[in-house]
Amino acid sequence: MGVDSGLPDFRGPEGFWRAYPPYRALGLRFEEIADPVHFASDPELAWGFYGHRLGLYRATVPHAGFGVLRGWDLPTRVFTSNVDGQFQKAGLTGVAECHGSIHHLQCILDCGQPVWAADGVGVEIDETTMRAVSPLPACPSCGALARPNILMFGDADWVPDRTVGQMQTHRAWVRGHRGHLVVVEIGAGTAIPTVRREAESASAATGALIRINVGEPEVRHGRGVGIASPAATTLLTLDERLGGRARLSVPGH
């Protein structure tokens, strides 16, 4: 979803290294830099990556497809594995972020400080090395290093409290609308299939799944339709076919 806004695609090492050339020289793949270990062993390296992403996401303008979603005149919720906050920035509400958010922080010592917003937190980056320059974000309670409140690879220290609240609200909403749902899944791959599984589960009662995915549009057992096309243009075309009224309905409901 974010790629059409100009955000980098981390699919595969080549895509990651194109976005962050200094990591190629180090032989670091996305799965290796996007883990919690470096916050303890090399915090400047860890915050170099996440601090750059934080600044990038803050500066990015959501594409027109987000506006299509916002304009649909129906009860709507968002379930996303994206941590970039683009749905909220585009004005959508009711967002469940199953992997957390880069716009919130947690203490690496788990000192009891609740997850807090990263508003006003900035990280200076040396972009030739992709390393952060001190001072690094710190816990407001104990002063220890802070880290993004994101579920990283191999992450046993993620504080899920904020996401748990979102997910409880999301699950209750889905239960209340089961049998009346159209699910529009956008850009969710199979490497980490969290969103695809959620979309298939939520649409199981109706079979009304629209899977928008350039590389992996297949829908199992014919329970929906796959569209091999980018997010923004597909959403705009879909809205146009609906008469520009941003309305969807499930047959028989």
Protein backbone atom coordinates (compact mmCIF):
# COMPACT_ATOMS: atom_id res chain seq x y z
CA MET A 1 0.00 0.00 0.00
CA GLY A 2 2.77 2.45 0.88
CA VAL A 3 4.87 1.79 -2.21
CA ASP A 4 2.52 3.87 -4.36
CA SER A 5 3.20 6.81 -2.04
CA GLY A 6 6.91 6.45 -2.86
CA LEU A 7 7.92 4.37 0.15
CA PRO A 8 10.63 1.73 -0.45
CA ASP A 9 9.74 -1.89 -1.10
CA PHE A 10 11.75 -4.19 1.18
CA ARG A 11 10.70 -7.34 -0.71
CA GLY A 12 13.88 -9.38 -1.09
CA PRO A 13 17.46 -8.26 -0.35
CA GLU A 14 17.88 -6.40 -3.64
CA GLY A 15 14.86 -4.21 -2.97
CA PHE A 16 16.10 -3.48 0.55
CA TRP A 17 19.64 -2.69 -0.58
CA ARG A 18 18.39 -0.36 -3.31
CA ALA A 19 16.66 1.64 -0.59
CA TYR A 20 19.61 1.47 1.83
CA PRO A 21 22.92 0.98 -0.06
CA PRO A 22 25.18 1.18 3.03
CA TYR A 23 23.70 -2.08 4.32
CA ARG A 24 24.81 -3.93 1.17
CA ALA A 25 28.46 -3.36 2.12
CA LEU A 26 27.72 -4.78 5.56
CA GLY A 27 25.84 -7.72 4.07
CA LEU A 28 22.80 -6.89 6.21
CA ARG A 29 19.38 -7.98 5.01
CA PHE A 30 16.10 -6.44 6.16
CA GLU A 31 15.40 -9.38 8.48
CA GLU A 32 18.77 -8.82 10.20
CA ILE A 33 18.56 -5.06 10.72
CA ALA A 34 14.86 -5.18 11.66
CA ASP A 35 15.43 -7.06 14.89
CA PRO A 36 15.73 -5.97 18.52
CA VAL A 37 19.27 -7.28 19.06
CA HIS A 38 21.02 -4.21 17.64
CA PHE A 39 19.35 -1.87 20.13
CA ALA A 40 21.47 -3.55 22.81
CA SER A 41 24.61 -4.35 20.80
CA ASP A 42 24.83 -1.36 18.45
CA PRO A 43 22.09 1.23 19.15
CA GLU A 44 23.47 3.77 16.65
CA LEU A 45 23.08 1.17 13.89
CA ALA A 46 19.57 0.23 15.05
CA TRP A 47 18.37 3.83 15.34
CA GLY A 48 20.07 4.70 12.06
CA PHE A 49 17.61 2.39 10.31
CA TYR A 50 14.52 3.11 12.37
CA GLY A 51 15.23 6.81 12.76
CA HIS A 52 15.53 7.19 9.00
CA ARG A 53 12.25 5.33 8.50
CA LEU A 54 10.53 7.49 11.12
CA GLY A 55 11.56 10.65 9.28
CA LEU A 56 10.61 9.16 5.91
CA TYR A 57 7.13 8.16 7.05
CA ARG A 58 6.53 11.55 8.60
CA ALA A 59 7.44 13.27 5.33
CA THR A 60 5.44 10.97 3.02
CA VAL A 61 2.07 12.09 1.65
CA PRO A 62 -0.44 9.20 1.38
CA HIS A 63 -1.52 8.48 -2.21
CA ALA A 64 -5.04 9.00 -3.59
CA GLY A 65 -6.03 5.39 -2.90
CA PHE A 66 -6.16 6.15 0.80
CA GLY A 67 -8.74 8.82 0.03
CA VAL A 68 -10.88 6.24 -1.76
CA LEU A 69 -10.91 4.07 1.35
CA ARG A 70 -11.73 7.05 3.54
CA GLY A 71 -14.60 8.05 1.26
CA TRP A 72 -16.47 4.74 1.25
CA ASP A 73 -19.86 5.43 2.82
CA LEU A 74 -19.92 2.27 4.91
CA PRO A 75 -18.83 1.12 8.37
CA THR A 76 -15.14 0.46 7.76
CA ARG A 77 -12.10 -0.72 9.68
CA VAL A 78 -8.44 -1.22 8.78
CA PHE A 79 -6.28 -4.20 9.76
CA THR A 80 -2.65 -3.62 8.79
CA SER A 81 0.83 -5.02 9.29
CA ASN A 82 2.28 -1.69 8.16
CA VAL A 83 3.96 0.29 10.93
CA ASP A 84 4.18 3.56 9.00
CA GLY A 85 0.99 5.29 10.23
CA GLN A 86 -0.08 6.20 6.69
CA PHE A 87 -3.71 5.16 7.21
CA GLN A 88 -4.07 7.52 10.18
CA LYS A 89 -2.21 10.27 8.34
CA ALA A 90 -4.74 9.92 5.49
CA GLY A 91 -7.59 10.44 7.96
CA LEU A 92 -8.79 6.85 8.38
CA THR A 93 -9.96 5.76 11.81
CA GLY A 94 -10.49 2.36 13.36
CA VAL A 95 -7.00 1.09 12.53
CA ALA A 96 -5.60 -2.11 14.08
CA GLU A 97 -1.80 -2.30 13.69
CA CYS A 98 -0.96 -5.96 14.28
CA HIS A 99 2.81 -5.32 14.24
CA GLY A 100 2.75 -2.07 16.21
CA SER A 101 3.75 1.42 15.10
CA ILE A 102 7.00 3.28 14.51
CA HIS A 103 5.25 6.37 15.86
CA HIS A 104 5.23 4.89 19.37
CA LEU A 105 8.15 3.93 21.62
CA GLN A 106 8.92 1.57 24.47
CA CYS A 107 11.76 1.24 26.99
CA ILE A 108 14.30 -1.49 26.21
CA LEU A 109 14.49 -2.30 29.92
CA ASP A 110 10.71 -2.67 30.32
CA CYS A 111 10.93 -0.50 33.43
CA GLY A 112 7.16 -0.16 33.70
CA GLN A 113 6.86 2.94 31.54
CA PRO A 114 3.76 2.52 29.32
CA VAL A 115 4.18 2.76 25.55
CA TRP A 116 4.37 6.43 24.58
CA ALA A 117 3.97 8.48 21.40
CA ALA A 118 7.09 9.46 19.48
CA ASP A 119 5.68 12.94 18.80
CA GLY A 120 8.52 15.45 18.86
CA VAL A 121 11.19 12.74 18.85
CA GLY A 122 13.75 13.21 16.09
CA VAL A 123 16.83 11.18 15.24
CA GLU A 124 19.78 12.68 13.37
CA ILE A 125 21.18 10.26 10.79
CA ASP A 126 24.56 10.16 9.03
CA GLU A 127 23.20 8.95 5.68
CA THR A 128 26.62 7.94 4.37
CA THR A 129 26.84 5.24 7.05
CA MET A 130 23.15 5.03 8.03
CA ARG A 131 24.13 5.37 11.68
CA ALA A 132 22.31 7.57 14.18
CA VAL A 133 24.03 10.48 15.90
CA SER A 134 23.64 10.85 19.67
CA PRO A 135 21.60 11.68 21.63
CA LEU A 136 19.30 8.74 20.95
CA PRO A 137 15.67 8.50 22.10
CA ALA A 138 15.41 7.67 25.79
CA CYS A 139 12.77 6.40 28.20
CA PRO A 140 11.09 9.32 30.01
CA SER A 141 10.90 7.30 33.24
CA CYS A 142 14.30 5.65 33.69
CA GLY A 143 16.46 7.27 31.00
CA ALA A 144 17.38 3.98 29.32
CA LEU A 145 17.41 3.64 25.55
CA ALA A 146 14.03 3.67 23.83
CA ARG A 147 13.10 1.60 20.80
CA PRO A 148 10.13 1.64 18.41
CA ASN A 149 7.03 -0.18 19.63
CA ILE A 150 7.21 -2.56 16.66
CA LEU A 151 7.09 -6.34 16.63
CA MET A 152 10.47 -7.10 15.06
CA PHE A 153 11.95 -10.38 13.85
CA GLY A 154 12.68 -12.74 16.75
CA ASP A 155 11.28 -10.17 19.17
CA ALA A 156 10.54 -11.43 22.68
CA ASP A 157 10.61 -7.94 24.22
CA TRP A 158 7.85 -6.19 22.26
CA VAL A 159 5.30 -4.55 24.55
CA PRO A 160 1.95 -5.38 22.86
CA ASP A 161 -0.38 -3.43 25.15
CA ARG A 162 -1.36 -0.76 22.63
CA THR A 163 -1.90 -3.28 19.82
CA VAL A 164 -3.86 -5.65 22.09
CA GLY A 165 -6.40 -2.90 22.72
CA GLN A 166 -6.71 -2.23 19.00
CA MET A 167 -7.11 -5.92 18.23
CA GLN A 168 -9.82 -6.44 20.85
CA THR A 169 -11.85 -3.64 19.28
CA HIS A 170 -11.19 -5.00 15.79
CA ARG A 171 -12.21 -8.57 16.64
CA ALA A 172 -15.45 -7.38 18.26
CA TRP A 173 -16.27 -5.29 15.17
CA VAL A 174 -15.62 -8.21 12.80
CA ARG A 175 -17.82 -10.52 14.88
CA GLY A 176 -20.59 -7.93 14.83
CA HIS A 177 -20.46 -7.63 11.02
CA ARG A 178 -19.73 -11.24 10.07
CA GLY A 179 -21.79 -12.30 7.09
CA HIS A 180 -21.98 -8.71 5.82
CA LEU A 181 -18.34 -7.99 5.06
CA VAL A 182 -16.53 -7.07 1.88
CA VAL A 183 -12.78 -7.39 2.52
CA VAL A 184 -10.37 -5.40 0.35
CA GLU A 185 -6.86 -6.75 0.89
CA ILE A 186 -4.07 -4.61 -0.53
CA GLY A 187 -0.46 -5.65 -1.10
CA ALA A 188 -0.31 -8.39 1.53
CA GLY A 189 2.30 -11.01 0.64
CA THR A 190 2.75 -14.64 1.60
CA ALA A 191 6.20 -14.31 3.21
CA ILE A 192 4.55 -12.95 6.36
CA PRO A 193 0.92 -13.97 5.79
CA THR A 194 -0.70 -12.29 8.81
CA VAL A 195 -2.87 -9.94 6.76
CA ARG A 196 -3.81 -12.54 4.14
CA ARG A 197 -4.99 -14.93 6.85
CA GLU A 198 -7.00 -12.19 8.54
CA ALA A 199 -8.59 -11.21 5.22
CA GLU A 200 -9.51 -14.80 4.37
CA SER A 201 -10.96 -15.39 7.83
CA ALA A 202 -12.99 -12.17 7.89
CA SER A 203 -14.43 -12.82 4.41
CA ALA A 204 -15.11 -16.54 4.90
CA ALA A 205 -18.85 -16.13 5.49
CA THR A 206 -19.43 -14.15 2.29
CA GLY A 207 -16.58 -15.04 -0.05
CA ALA A 208 -16.35 -11.30 -0.76
CA LEU A 209 -12.58 -10.88 -0.85
CA ILE A 210 -10.88 -8.49 -3.27
CA ARG A 211 -7.15 -9.24 -3.25
CA ILE A 212 -5.12 -6.43 -4.85
CA ASN A 213 -1.56 -7.66 -5.25
CA VAL A 214 0.88 -7.11 -8.11
CA GLY A 215 2.85 -10.33 -7.56
CA GLU A 216 0.61 -12.66 -5.52
CA PRO A 217 -3.05 -12.06 -6.44
CA GLU A 218 -4.20 -15.70 -6.24
CA VAL A 219 -7.33 -16.43 -4.19
CA ARG A 220 -7.81 -19.99 -2.97
CA HIS A 221 -10.92 -22.02 -3.80
CA GLY A 222 -12.47 -19.21 -5.81
CA ARG A 223 -13.59 -17.39 -2.67
CA GLY A 224 -13.01 -13.90 -4.02
CA VAL A 225 -11.19 -12.19 -6.85
CA GLY A 226 -7.50 -11.41 -7.31
CA ILE A 227 -6.33 -8.31 -9.15
CA ALA A 228 -2.67 -8.14 -10.23
CA SER A 229 -2.37 -4.36 -10.21
CA PRO A 230 -0.91 -1.59 -8.00
CA ALA A 231 -2.87 -0.31 -5.02
CA ALA A 232 -3.55 3.31 -5.97
CA THR A 233 -4.68 2.81 -9.58
CA THR A 234 -6.81 -0.21 -8.66
CA LEU A 235 -8.61 1.59 -5.84
CA LEU A 236 -9.26 4.60 -8.05
CA THR A 237 -10.59 2.38 -10.85
CA LEU A 238 -12.74 0.41 -8.43
CA ASP A 239 -14.23 3.63 -7.09
CA GLU A 240 -14.87 4.84 -10.64
CA ARG A 241 -16.68 1.61 -11.49
CA LEU A 242 -18.83 2.19 -8.41
CA GLY A 243 -19.86 5.53 -9.82
CA GLY A 244 -17.41 7.51 -7.71
CA ARG A 245 -19.68 7.06 -4.73
CA ALA A 246 -17.27 4.77 -2.87
CA ARG A 247 -19.96 2.21 -2.04
CA LEU A 248 -19.60 -1.56 -1.81
CA SER A 249 -22.25 -4.14 -1.00
CA VAL A 250 -22.40 -7.87 -0.47
CA PRO A 251 -24.91 -9.66 -2.74
CA GLY A 252 -28.00 -10.58 -0.75
CA HIS A 253 -27.33 -8.06 2.06
